[in-house]
mmCIF file of all heavy atoms, coordinates in Angstrom:
data_MODEL
# 
_entry.id   MODEL 
# 
loop_
_atom_site.group_PDB 
_atom_site.id 
_atom_site.type_symbol 
_atom_site.label_atom_id 
_atom_site.label_alt_id 
_atom_site.label_comp_id 
_atom_site.label_asym_id 
_atom_site.label_entity_id 
_atom_site.label_seq_id 
_atom_site.pdbx_PDB_ins_code 
_atom_site.Cartn_x 
_atom_site.Cartn_y 
_atom_site.Cartn_z 
_atom_site.occupancy 
_atom_site.B_iso_or_equiv 
_atom_site.pdbx_formal_charge 
_atom_site.auth_seq_id 
_atom_site.auth_comp_id 
_atom_site.auth_asym_id 
_atom_site.auth_atom_id 
_atom_site.pdbx_PDB_model_num 
ATOM 1   N N   . ASP A 1 1  ? 0.694   9.355   7.327   1.00 0.00 ? 1  ASP A N   1 
ATOM 2   C CA  . ASP A 1 1  ? -0.671  9.529   7.841   1.00 0.00 ? 1  ASP A CA  1 
ATOM 3   C C   . ASP A 1 1  ? -1.591  10.177  6.821   1.00 0.00 ? 1  ASP A C   1 
ATOM 4   O O   . ASP A 1 1  ? -2.730  10.514  7.141   1.00 0.00 ? 1  ASP A O   1 
ATOM 5   C CB  . ASP A 1 1  ? -0.666  10.379  9.112   1.00 0.00 ? 1  ASP A CB  1 
ATOM 6   C CG  . ASP A 1 1  ? -0.301  11.826  8.831   1.00 0.00 ? 1  ASP A CG  1 
ATOM 7   O OD1 . ASP A 1 1  ? 0.697   12.059  8.121   1.00 0.00 ? 1  ASP A OD1 1 
ATOM 8   O OD2 . ASP A 1 1  ? -1.019  12.722  9.296   1.00 0.00 ? 1  ASP A OD2 1 
ATOM 9   N N   . THR A 1 2  ? -1.139  10.339  5.587   1.00 0.00 ? 2  THR A N   1 
ATOM 10  C CA  . THR A 1 2  ? -1.950  10.982  4.553   1.00 0.00 ? 2  THR A CA  1 
ATOM 11  C C   . THR A 1 2  ? -3.017  10.021  4.034   1.00 0.00 ? 2  THR A C   1 
ATOM 12  O O   . THR A 1 2  ? -2.730  8.866   3.724   1.00 0.00 ? 2  THR A O   1 
ATOM 13  C CB  . THR A 1 2  ? -1.078  11.449  3.377   1.00 0.00 ? 2  THR A CB  1 
ATOM 14  O OG1 . THR A 1 2  ? -0.156  12.429  3.841   1.00 0.00 ? 2  THR A OG1 1 
ATOM 15  C CG2 . THR A 1 2  ? -1.936  12.060  2.271   1.00 0.00 ? 2  THR A CG2 1 
ATOM 16  N N   . GLU A 1 3  ? -4.247  10.538  3.926   1.00 0.00 ? 3  GLU A N   1 
ATOM 17  C CA  . GLU A 1 3  ? -5.330  9.776   3.293   1.00 0.00 ? 3  GLU A CA  1 
ATOM 18  C C   . GLU A 1 3  ? -5.782  10.539  2.059   1.00 0.00 ? 3  GLU A C   1 
ATOM 19  O O   . GLU A 1 3  ? -6.194  11.689  2.147   1.00 0.00 ? 3  GLU A O   1 
ATOM 20  C CB  . GLU A 1 3  ? -6.510  9.600   4.251   1.00 0.00 ? 3  GLU A CB  1 
ATOM 21  C CG  . GLU A 1 3  ? -7.663  8.843   3.610   1.00 0.00 ? 3  GLU A CG  1 
ATOM 22  C CD  . GLU A 1 3  ? -8.922  8.846   4.458   1.00 0.00 ? 3  GLU A CD  1 
ATOM 23  O OE1 . GLU A 1 3  ? -8.898  9.406   5.569   1.00 0.00 ? 3  GLU A OE1 1 
ATOM 24  O OE2 . GLU A 1 3  ? -9.939  8.297   3.988   1.00 0.00 ? 3  GLU A OE2 1 
ATOM 25  N N   . GLY A 1 4  ? -5.707  9.901   0.905   1.00 0.00 ? 4  GLY A N   1 
ATOM 26  C CA  . GLY A 1 4  ? -6.126  10.539  -0.334  1.00 0.00 ? 4  GLY A CA  1 
ATOM 27  C C   . GLY A 1 4  ? -7.629  10.554  -0.476  1.00 0.00 ? 4  GLY A C   1 
ATOM 28  O O   . GLY A 1 4  ? -8.299  9.550   -0.231  1.00 0.00 ? 4  GLY A O   1 
ATOM 29  N N   . GLU A 1 5  ? -8.168  11.694  -0.900  1.00 0.00 ? 5  GLU A N   1 
ATOM 30  C CA  . GLU A 1 5  ? -9.606  11.845  -1.141  1.00 0.00 ? 5  GLU A CA  1 
ATOM 31  C C   . GLU A 1 5  ? -9.793  12.454  -2.534  1.00 0.00 ? 5  GLU A C   1 
ATOM 32  O O   . GLU A 1 5  ? -9.868  13.660  -2.689  1.00 0.00 ? 5  GLU A O   1 
ATOM 33  C CB  . GLU A 1 5  ? -10.247 12.746  -0.095  1.00 0.00 ? 5  GLU A CB  1 
ATOM 34  C CG  . GLU A 1 5  ? -10.296 12.156  1.301   1.00 0.00 ? 5  GLU A CG  1 
ATOM 35  C CD  . GLU A 1 5  ? -11.026 13.049  2.281   1.00 0.00 ? 5  GLU A CD  1 
ATOM 36  O OE1 . GLU A 1 5  ? -11.064 14.282  2.059   1.00 0.00 ? 5  GLU A OE1 1 
ATOM 37  O OE2 . GLU A 1 5  ? -11.572 12.538  3.268   1.00 0.00 ? 5  GLU A OE2 1 
ATOM 38  N N   . PRO A 1 6  ? -9.852  11.634  -3.575  1.00 0.00 ? 6  PRO A N   1 
ATOM 39  C CA  . PRO A 1 6  ? -9.952  12.172  -4.932  1.00 0.00 ? 6  PRO A CA  1 
ATOM 40  C C   . PRO A 1 6  ? -11.333 12.705  -5.239  1.00 0.00 ? 6  PRO A C   1 
ATOM 41  O O   . PRO A 1 6  ? -12.338 12.148  -4.794  1.00 0.00 ? 6  PRO A O   1 
ATOM 42  C CB  . PRO A 1 6  ? -9.624  10.962  -5.807  1.00 0.00 ? 6  PRO A CB  1 
ATOM 43  C CG  . PRO A 1 6  ? -10.084 9.797   -4.996  1.00 0.00 ? 6  PRO A CG  1 
ATOM 44  C CD  . PRO A 1 6  ? -9.813  10.168  -3.564  1.00 0.00 ? 6  PRO A CD  1 
ATOM 45  N N   . GLU A 1 7  ? -11.382 13.774  -5.986  1.00 0.00 ? 7  GLU A N   1 
ATOM 46  C CA  . GLU A 1 7  ? -12.629 14.293  -6.535  1.00 0.00 ? 7  GLU A CA  1 
ATOM 47  C C   . GLU A 1 7  ? -12.490 14.265  -8.047  1.00 0.00 ? 7  GLU A C   1 
ATOM 48  O O   . GLU A 1 7  ? -11.850 15.126  -8.627  1.00 0.00 ? 7  GLU A O   1 
ATOM 49  C CB  . GLU A 1 7  ? -12.883 15.718  -6.057  1.00 0.00 ? 7  GLU A CB  1 
ATOM 50  C CG  . GLU A 1 7  ? -13.114 15.835  -4.568  1.00 0.00 ? 7  GLU A CG  1 
ATOM 51  C CD  . GLU A 1 7  ? -13.410 17.264  -4.176  1.00 0.00 ? 7  GLU A CD  1 
ATOM 52  O OE1 . GLU A 1 7  ? -14.246 17.901  -4.831  1.00 0.00 ? 7  GLU A OE1 1 
ATOM 53  O OE2 . GLU A 1 7  ? -12.803 17.741  -3.217  1.00 0.00 ? 7  GLU A OE2 1 
ATOM 54  N N   . GLY A 1 8  ? -13.062 13.251  -8.659  1.00 0.00 ? 8  GLY A N   1 
ATOM 55  C CA  . GLY A 1 8  ? -12.929 13.153  -10.094 1.00 0.00 ? 8  GLY A CA  1 
ATOM 56  C C   . GLY A 1 8  ? -13.110 11.734  -10.583 1.00 0.00 ? 8  GLY A C   1 
ATOM 57  O O   . GLY A 1 8  ? -13.488 10.831  -9.839  1.00 0.00 ? 8  GLY A O   1 
ATOM 58  N N   . PRO A 1 9  ? -12.807 11.515  -11.852 1.00 0.00 ? 9  PRO A N   1 
ATOM 59  C CA  . PRO A 1 9  ? -13.094 10.226  -12.511 1.00 0.00 ? 9  PRO A CA  1 
ATOM 60  C C   . PRO A 1 9  ? -12.043 9.170   -12.197 1.00 0.00 ? 9  PRO A C   1 
ATOM 61  O O   . PRO A 1 9  ? -11.136 8.917   -12.972 1.00 0.00 ? 9  PRO A O   1 
ATOM 62  C CB  . PRO A 1 9  ? -13.083 10.599  -13.999 1.00 0.00 ? 9  PRO A CB  1 
ATOM 63  C CG  . PRO A 1 9  ? -12.122 11.749  -14.069 1.00 0.00 ? 9  PRO A CG  1 
ATOM 64  C CD  . PRO A 1 9  ? -12.279 12.524  -12.794 1.00 0.00 ? 9  PRO A CD  1 
ATOM 65  N N   . ILE A 1 10 ? -12.169 8.517   -11.062 1.00 0.00 ? 10 ILE A N   1 
ATOM 66  C CA  . ILE A 1 10 ? -11.207 7.509   -10.639 1.00 0.00 ? 10 ILE A CA  1 
ATOM 67  C C   . ILE A 1 10 ? -11.724 6.113   -10.975 1.00 0.00 ? 10 ILE A C   1 
ATOM 68  O O   . ILE A 1 10 ? -12.897 5.806   -10.788 1.00 0.00 ? 10 ILE A O   1 
ATOM 69  C CB  . ILE A 1 10 ? -10.930 7.642   -9.121  1.00 0.00 ? 10 ILE A CB  1 
ATOM 70  C CG1 . ILE A 1 10 ? -9.955  6.556   -8.651  1.00 0.00 ? 10 ILE A CG1 1 
ATOM 71  C CG2 . ILE A 1 10 ? -12.222 7.596   -8.320  1.00 0.00 ? 10 ILE A CG2 1 
ATOM 72  C CD1 . ILE A 1 10 ? -9.528  6.734   -7.206  1.00 0.00 ? 10 ILE A CD1 1 
ATOM 73  N N   . GLY A 1 11 ? -10.842 5.272   -11.491 1.00 0.00 ? 11 GLY A N   1 
ATOM 74  C CA  . GLY A 1 11 ? -11.171 3.879   -11.739 1.00 0.00 ? 11 GLY A CA  1 
ATOM 75  C C   . GLY A 1 11 ? -10.592 3.016   -10.630 1.00 0.00 ? 11 GLY A C   1 
ATOM 76  O O   . GLY A 1 11 ? -9.426  3.177   -10.252 1.00 0.00 ? 11 GLY A O   1 
ATOM 77  N N   . ARG A 1 12 ? -11.416 2.110   -10.092 1.00 0.00 ? 12 ARG A N   1 
ATOM 78  C CA  . ARG A 1 12 ? -10.959 1.281   -8.973  1.00 0.00 ? 12 ARG A CA  1 
ATOM 79  C C   . ARG A 1 12 ? -11.521 -0.134  -9.101  1.00 0.00 ? 12 ARG A C   1 
ATOM 80  O O   . ARG A 1 12 ? -12.646 -0.318  -9.572  1.00 0.00 ? 12 ARG A O   1 
ATOM 81  C CB  . ARG A 1 12 ? -11.435 1.854   -7.629  1.00 0.00 ? 12 ARG A CB  1 
ATOM 82  C CG  . ARG A 1 12 ? -10.819 3.176   -7.253  1.00 0.00 ? 12 ARG A CG  1 
ATOM 83  C CD  . ARG A 1 12 ? -11.335 3.637   -5.892  1.00 0.00 ? 12 ARG A CD  1 
ATOM 84  N NE  . ARG A 1 12 ? -12.718 4.086   -5.937  1.00 0.00 ? 12 ARG A NE  1 
ATOM 85  C CZ  . ARG A 1 12 ? -13.443 4.366   -4.863  1.00 0.00 ? 12 ARG A CZ  1 
ATOM 86  N NH1 . ARG A 1 12 ? -12.930 4.198   -3.665  1.00 0.00 ? 12 ARG A NH1 1 
ATOM 87  N NH2 . ARG A 1 12 ? -14.682 4.792   -4.976  1.00 0.00 ? 12 ARG A NH2 1 
ATOM 88  N N   . HIS A 1 13 ? -10.737 -1.099  -8.665  1.00 0.00 ? 13 HIS A N   1 
ATOM 89  C CA  . HIS A 1 13 ? -11.241 -2.468  -8.538  1.00 0.00 ? 13 HIS A CA  1 
ATOM 90  C C   . HIS A 1 13 ? -10.494 -3.140  -7.402  1.00 0.00 ? 13 HIS A C   1 
ATOM 91  O O   . HIS A 1 13 ? -9.264  -3.073  -7.310  1.00 0.00 ? 13 HIS A O   1 
ATOM 92  C CB  . HIS A 1 13 ? -11.063 -3.279  -9.819  1.00 0.00 ? 13 HIS A CB  1 
ATOM 93  C CG  . HIS A 1 13 ? -11.765 -4.607  -9.747  1.00 0.00 ? 13 HIS A CG  1 
ATOM 94  N ND1 . HIS A 1 13 ? -13.068 -4.779  -10.136 1.00 0.00 ? 13 HIS A ND1 1 
ATOM 95  C CD2 . HIS A 1 13 ? -11.343 -5.826  -9.282  1.00 0.00 ? 13 HIS A CD2 1 
ATOM 96  C CE1 . HIS A 1 13 ? -13.429 -6.027  -9.936  1.00 0.00 ? 13 HIS A CE1 1 
ATOM 97  N NE2 . HIS A 1 13 ? -12.406 -6.692  -9.419  1.00 0.00 ? 13 HIS A NE2 1 
ATOM 98  N N   . PHE A 1 14 ? -11.261 -3.814  -6.535  1.00 0.00 ? 14 PHE A N   1 
ATOM 99  C CA  . PHE A 1 14 ? -10.693 -4.467  -5.353  1.00 0.00 ? 14 PHE A CA  1 
ATOM 100 C C   . PHE A 1 14 ? -11.112 -5.930  -5.354  1.00 0.00 ? 14 PHE A C   1 
ATOM 101 O O   . PHE A 1 14 ? -12.295 -6.251  -5.510  1.00 0.00 ? 14 PHE A O   1 
ATOM 102 C CB  . PHE A 1 14 ? -11.203 -3.776  -4.087  1.00 0.00 ? 14 PHE A CB  1 
ATOM 103 C CG  . PHE A 1 14 ? -10.494 -4.197  -2.827  1.00 0.00 ? 14 PHE A CG  1 
ATOM 104 C CD1 . PHE A 1 14 ? -9.386  -3.503  -2.375  1.00 0.00 ? 14 PHE A CD1 1 
ATOM 105 C CD2 . PHE A 1 14 ? -10.952 -5.274  -2.082  1.00 0.00 ? 14 PHE A CD2 1 
ATOM 106 C CE1 . PHE A 1 14 ? -8.737  -3.880  -1.202  1.00 0.00 ? 14 PHE A CE1 1 
ATOM 107 C CE2 . PHE A 1 14 ? -10.315 -5.664  -0.914  1.00 0.00 ? 14 PHE A CE2 1 
ATOM 108 C CZ  . PHE A 1 14 ? -9.201  -4.956  -0.467  1.00 0.00 ? 14 PHE A CZ  1 
ATOM 109 N N   . THR A 1 15 ? -10.141 -6.824  -5.190  1.00 0.00 ? 15 THR A N   1 
ATOM 110 C CA  . THR A 1 15 ? -10.392 -8.255  -5.135  1.00 0.00 ? 15 THR A CA  1 
ATOM 111 C C   . THR A 1 15 ? -9.748  -8.812  -3.873  1.00 0.00 ? 15 THR A C   1 
ATOM 112 O O   . THR A 1 15 ? -8.619  -8.438  -3.529  1.00 0.00 ? 15 THR A O   1 
ATOM 113 C CB  . THR A 1 15 ? -9.811  -8.969  -6.366  1.00 0.00 ? 15 THR A CB  1 
ATOM 114 O OG1 . THR A 1 15 ? -10.325 -8.365  -7.555  1.00 0.00 ? 15 THR A OG1 1 
ATOM 115 C CG2 . THR A 1 15 ? -10.182 -10.446 -6.364  1.00 0.00 ? 15 THR A CG2 1 
ATOM 116 N N   . ALA A 1 16 ? -10.468 -9.698  -3.173  1.00 0.00 ? 16 ALA A N   1 
ATOM 117 C CA  . ALA A 1 16 ? -9.945  -10.297 -1.948  1.00 0.00 ? 16 ALA A CA  1 
ATOM 118 C C   . ALA A 1 16 ? -10.037 -11.815 -2.026  1.00 0.00 ? 16 ALA A C   1 
ATOM 119 O O   . ALA A 1 16 ? -10.961 -12.377 -2.631  1.00 0.00 ? 16 ALA A O   1 
ATOM 120 C CB  . ALA A 1 16 ? -10.724 -9.786  -0.732  1.00 0.00 ? 16 ALA A CB  1 
ATOM 121 N N   . TYR A 1 17 ? -9.065  -12.486 -1.376  1.00 0.00 ? 17 TYR A N   1 
ATOM 122 C CA  . TYR A 1 17 ? -8.992  -13.943 -1.352  1.00 0.00 ? 17 TYR A CA  1 
ATOM 123 C C   . TYR A 1 17 ? -8.765  -14.418 0.083   1.00 0.00 ? 17 TYR A C   1 
ATOM 124 O O   . TYR A 1 17 ? -8.094  -13.750 0.871   1.00 0.00 ? 17 TYR A O   1 
ATOM 125 C CB  . TYR A 1 17 ? -7.822  -14.447 -2.212  1.00 0.00 ? 17 TYR A CB  1 
ATOM 126 C CG  . TYR A 1 17 ? -7.845  -13.980 -3.644  1.00 0.00 ? 17 TYR A CG  1 
ATOM 127 C CD1 . TYR A 1 17 ? -7.330  -12.725 -3.994  1.00 0.00 ? 17 TYR A CD1 1 
ATOM 128 C CD2 . TYR A 1 17 ? -8.353  -14.786 -4.659  1.00 0.00 ? 17 TYR A CD2 1 
ATOM 129 C CE1 . TYR A 1 17 ? -7.339  -12.296 -5.310  1.00 0.00 ? 17 TYR A CE1 1 
ATOM 130 C CE2 . TYR A 1 17 ? -8.354  -14.364 -5.984  1.00 0.00 ? 17 TYR A CE2 1 
ATOM 131 C CZ  . TYR A 1 17 ? -7.852  -13.110 -6.300  1.00 0.00 ? 17 TYR A CZ  1 
ATOM 132 O OH  . TYR A 1 17 ? -7.853  -12.676 -7.608  1.00 0.00 ? 17 TYR A OH  1 
ATOM 133 N N   . ARG A 1 18 ? -9.321  -15.561 0.399   1.00 0.00 ? 18 ARG A N   1 
ATOM 134 C CA  . ARG A 1 18 ? -9.021  -16.231 1.667   1.00 0.00 ? 18 ARG A CA  1 
ATOM 135 C C   . ARG A 1 18 ? -8.462  -17.604 1.329   1.00 0.00 ? 18 ARG A C   1 
ATOM 136 O O   . ARG A 1 18 ? -9.145  -18.425 0.694   1.00 0.00 ? 18 ARG A O   1 
ATOM 137 C CB  . ARG A 1 18 ? -10.279 -16.357 2.531   1.00 0.00 ? 18 ARG A CB  1 
ATOM 138 C CG  . ARG A 1 18 ? -10.167 -17.308 3.744   1.00 0.00 ? 18 ARG A CG  1 
ATOM 139 C CD  . ARG A 1 18 ? -9.263  -16.772 4.849   1.00 0.00 ? 18 ARG A CD  1 
ATOM 140 N NE  . ARG A 1 18 ? -9.018  -17.765 5.880   1.00 0.00 ? 18 ARG A NE  1 
ATOM 141 C CZ  . ARG A 1 18 ? -9.483  -17.713 7.132   1.00 0.00 ? 18 ARG A CZ  1 
ATOM 142 N NH1 . ARG A 1 18 ? -10.249 -16.702 7.501   1.00 0.00 ? 18 ARG A NH1 1 
ATOM 143 N NH2 . ARG A 1 18 ? -9.178  -18.645 8.003   1.00 0.00 ? 18 ARG A NH2 1 
ATOM 144 N N   . ASP A 1 19 ? -7.216  -17.834 1.728   1.00 0.00 ? 19 ASP A N   1 
ATOM 145 C CA  . ASP A 1 19 ? -6.542  -19.113 1.486   1.00 0.00 ? 19 ASP A CA  1 
ATOM 146 C C   . ASP A 1 19 ? -6.638  -19.527 0.017   1.00 0.00 ? 19 ASP A C   1 
ATOM 147 O O   . ASP A 1 19 ? -6.899  -20.684 -0.322  1.00 0.00 ? 19 ASP A O   1 
ATOM 148 C CB  . ASP A 1 19 ? -7.138  -20.204 2.377   1.00 0.00 ? 19 ASP A CB  1 
ATOM 149 C CG  . ASP A 1 19 ? -6.956  -19.900 3.858   1.00 0.00 ? 19 ASP A CG  1 
ATOM 150 O OD1 . ASP A 1 19 ? -5.953  -19.255 4.201   1.00 0.00 ? 19 ASP A OD1 1 
ATOM 151 O OD2 . ASP A 1 19 ? -7.830  -20.296 4.658   1.00 0.00 ? 19 ASP A OD2 1 
ATOM 152 N N   . GLY A 1 20 ? -6.449  -18.553 -0.879  1.00 0.00 ? 20 GLY A N   1 
ATOM 153 C CA  . GLY A 1 20 ? -6.433  -18.818 -2.309  1.00 0.00 ? 20 GLY A CA  1 
ATOM 154 C C   . GLY A 1 20 ? -7.775  -18.791 -2.987  1.00 0.00 ? 20 GLY A C   1 
ATOM 155 O O   . GLY A 1 20 ? -7.841  -18.855 -4.226  1.00 0.00 ? 20 GLY A O   1 
ATOM 156 N N   . ASN A 1 21 ? -8.867  -18.695 -2.235  1.00 0.00 ? 21 ASN A N   1 
ATOM 157 C CA  . ASN A 1 21 ? -10.211 -18.666 -2.815  1.00 0.00 ? 21 ASN A CA  1 
ATOM 158 C C   . ASN A 1 21 ? -10.738 -17.236 -2.867  1.00 0.00 ? 21 ASN A C   1 
ATOM 159 O O   . ASN A 1 21 ? -10.727 -16.525 -1.852  1.00 0.00 ? 21 ASN A O   1 
ATOM 160 C CB  . ASN A 1 21 ? -11.170 -19.532 -1.985  1.00 0.00 ? 21 ASN A CB  1 
ATOM 161 C CG  . ASN A 1 21 ? -10.749 -20.985 -1.951  1.00 0.00 ? 21 ASN A CG  1 
ATOM 162 O OD1 . ASN A 1 21 ? -10.474 -21.589 -2.993  1.00 0.00 ? 21 ASN A OD1 1 
ATOM 163 N ND2 . ASN A 1 21 ? -10.670 -21.554 -0.749  1.00 0.00 ? 21 ASN A ND2 1 
ATOM 164 N N   . GLN A 1 22 ? -11.208 -16.830 -4.033  1.00 0.00 ? 22 GLN A N   1 
ATOM 165 C CA  . GLN A 1 22 ? -11.735 -15.477 -4.166  1.00 0.00 ? 22 GLN A CA  1 
ATOM 166 C C   . GLN A 1 22 ? -13.030 -15.334 -3.358  1.00 0.00 ? 22 GLN A C   1 
ATOM 167 O O   . GLN A 1 22 ? -13.955 -16.136 -3.487  1.00 0.00 ? 22 GLN A O   1 
ATOM 168 C CB  . GLN A 1 22 ? -12.017 -15.146 -5.630  1.00 0.00 ? 22 GLN A CB  1 
ATOM 169 C CG  . GLN A 1 22 ? -12.553 -13.730 -5.844  1.00 0.00 ? 22 GLN A CG  1 
ATOM 170 C CD  . GLN A 1 22 ? -12.768 -13.415 -7.304  1.00 0.00 ? 22 GLN A CD  1 
ATOM 171 O OE1 . GLN A 1 22 ? -11.839 -13.482 -8.100  1.00 0.00 ? 22 GLN A OE1 1 
ATOM 172 N NE2 . GLN A 1 22 ? -14.008 -13.077 -7.642  1.00 0.00 ? 22 GLN A NE2 1 
ATOM 173 N N   . VAL A 1 23 ? -13.091 -14.293 -2.521  1.00 0.00 ? 23 VAL A N   1 
ATOM 174 C CA  . VAL A 1 23 ? -14.275 -14.061 -1.696  1.00 0.00 ? 23 VAL A CA  1 
ATOM 175 C C   . VAL A 1 23 ? -14.916 -12.708 -1.975  1.00 0.00 ? 23 VAL A C   1 
ATOM 176 O O   . VAL A 1 23 ? -15.996 -12.417 -1.454  1.00 0.00 ? 23 VAL A O   1 
ATOM 177 C CB  . VAL A 1 23 ? -13.929 -14.172 -0.196  1.00 0.00 ? 23 VAL A CB  1 
ATOM 178 C CG1 . VAL A 1 23 ? -13.549 -15.594 0.161   1.00 0.00 ? 23 VAL A CG1 1 
ATOM 179 C CG2 . VAL A 1 23 ? -12.816 -13.202 0.192   1.00 0.00 ? 23 VAL A CG2 1 
ATOM 180 N N   . PHE A 1 24 ? -14.276 -11.886 -2.799  1.00 0.00 ? 24 PHE A N   1 
ATOM 181 C CA  . PHE A 1 24 ? -14.849 -10.570 -3.100  1.00 0.00 ? 24 PHE A CA  1 
ATOM 182 C C   . PHE A 1 24 ? -14.181 -10.008 -4.342  1.00 0.00 ? 24 PHE A C   1 
ATOM 183 O O   . PHE A 1 24 ? -12.972 -10.137 -4.538  1.00 0.00 ? 24 PHE A O   1 
ATOM 184 C CB  . PHE A 1 24 ? -14.634 -9.614  -1.920  1.00 0.00 ? 24 PHE A CB  1 
ATOM 185 C CG  . PHE A 1 24 ? -15.161 -8.218  -2.135  1.00 0.00 ? 24 PHE A CG  1 
ATOM 186 C CD1 . PHE A 1 24 ? -16.493 -7.921  -1.908  1.00 0.00 ? 24 PHE A CD1 1 
ATOM 187 C CD2 . PHE A 1 24 ? -14.324 -7.203  -2.570  1.00 0.00 ? 24 PHE A CD2 1 
ATOM 188 C CE1 . PHE A 1 24 ? -16.988 -6.643  -2.098  1.00 0.00 ? 24 PHE A CE1 1 
ATOM 189 C CE2 . PHE A 1 24 ? -14.801 -5.919  -2.772  1.00 0.00 ? 24 PHE A CE2 1 
ATOM 190 C CZ  . PHE A 1 24 ? -16.141 -5.641  -2.536  1.00 0.00 ? 24 PHE A CZ  1 
ATOM 191 N N   . SER A 1 25 ? -14.992 -9.348  -5.190  1.00 0.00 ? 25 SER A N   1 
ATOM 192 C CA  . SER A 1 25 ? -14.445 -8.653  -6.354  1.00 0.00 ? 25 SER A CA  1 
ATOM 193 C C   . SER A 1 25 ? -15.441 -7.581  -6.769  1.00 0.00 ? 25 SER A C   1 
ATOM 194 O O   . SER A 1 25 ? -16.603 -7.886  -7.042  1.00 0.00 ? 25 SER A O   1 
ATOM 195 C CB  . SER A 1 25 ? -14.199 -9.627  -7.517  1.00 0.00 ? 25 SER A CB  1 
ATOM 196 O OG  . SER A 1 25 ? -13.642 -8.949  -8.627  1.00 0.00 ? 25 SER A OG  1 
ATOM 197 N N   . GLN A 1 26 ? -14.990 -6.320  -6.802  1.00 0.00 ? 26 GLN A N   1 
ATOM 198 C CA  . GLN A 1 26 ? -15.925 -5.238  -7.119  1.00 0.00 ? 26 GLN A CA  1 
ATOM 199 C C   . GLN A 1 26 ? -15.189 -4.010  -7.643  1.00 0.00 ? 26 GLN A C   1 
ATOM 200 O O   . GLN A 1 26 ? -14.082 -3.690  -7.214  1.00 0.00 ? 26 GLN A O   1 
ATOM 201 C CB  . GLN A 1 26 ? -16.735 -4.851  -5.876  1.00 0.00 ? 26 GLN A CB  1 
ATOM 202 C CG  . GLN A 1 26 ? -17.744 -3.744  -6.173  1.00 0.00 ? 26 GLN A CG  1 
ATOM 203 C CD  . GLN A 1 26 ? -18.626 -3.444  -4.986  1.00 0.00 ? 26 GLN A CD  1 
ATOM 204 O OE1 . GLN A 1 26 ? -19.195 -4.350  -4.402  1.00 0.00 ? 26 GLN A OE1 1 
ATOM 205 N NE2 . GLN A 1 26 ? -18.732 -2.185  -4.641  1.00 0.00 ? 26 GLN A NE2 1 
ATOM 206 N N   . ASP A 1 27 ? -15.866 -3.320  -8.554  1.00 0.00 ? 27 ASP A N   1 
ATOM 207 C CA  . ASP A 1 27 ? -15.395 -2.014  -9.013  1.00 0.00 ? 27 ASP A CA  1 
ATOM 208 C C   . ASP A 1 27 ? -15.800 -0.941  -8.008  1.00 0.00 ? 27 ASP A C   1 
ATOM 209 O O   . ASP A 1 27 ? -16.644 -1.154  -7.140  1.00 0.00 ? 27 ASP A O   1 
ATOM 210 C CB  . ASP A 1 27 ? -16.023 -1.672  -10.370 1.00 0.00 ? 27 ASP A CB  1 
ATOM 211 C CG  . ASP A 1 27 ? -15.580 -2.600  -11.481 1.00 0.00 ? 27 ASP A CG  1 
ATOM 212 O OD1 . ASP A 1 27 ? -14.455 -3.126  -11.401 1.00 0.00 ? 27 ASP A OD1 1 
ATOM 213 O OD2 . ASP A 1 27 ? -16.368 -2.800  -12.434 1.00 0.00 ? 27 ASP A OD2 1 
ATOM 214 N N   . TYR A 1 28 ? -15.207 0.253   -8.191  1.00 0.00 ? 28 TYR A N   1 
ATOM 215 C CA  . TYR A 1 28 ? -15.608 1.465   -7.455  1.00 0.00 ? 28 TYR A CA  1 
ATOM 216 C C   . TYR A 1 28 ? -15.429 1.363   -5.946  1.00 0.00 ? 28 TYR A C   1 
ATOM 217 O O   . TYR A 1 28 ? -16.155 1.980   -5.188  1.00 0.00 ? 28 TYR A O   1 
ATOM 218 C CB  . TYR A 1 28 ? -17.066 1.843   -7.758  1.00 0.00 ? 28 TYR A CB  1 
ATOM 219 C CG  . TYR A 1 28 ? -17.382 1.943   -9.221  1.00 0.00 ? 28 TYR A CG  1 
ATOM 220 C CD1 . TYR A 1 28 ? -18.311 1.087   -9.805  1.00 0.00 ? 28 TYR A CD1 1 
ATOM 221 C CD2 . TYR A 1 28 ? -16.741 2.878   -10.030 1.00 0.00 ? 28 TYR A CD2 1 
ATOM 222 C CE1 . TYR A 1 28 ? -18.602 1.163   -11.154 1.00 0.00 ? 28 TYR A CE1 1 
ATOM 223 C CE2 . TYR A 1 28 ? -17.021 2.963   -11.379 1.00 0.00 ? 28 TYR A CE2 1 
ATOM 224 C CZ  . TYR A 1 28 ? -17.953 2.109   -11.938 1.00 0.00 ? 28 TYR A CZ  1 
ATOM 225 O OH  . TYR A 1 28 ? -18.239 2.182   -13.275 1.00 0.00 ? 28 TYR A OH  1 
# 
């Protein structure tokens, strides 16, 4: 049940696909 809440210089990128087709891609 732990949720991480970082305070600092974190690098992030999230990409999502539906049935093999990219529908989202973003940093932060």
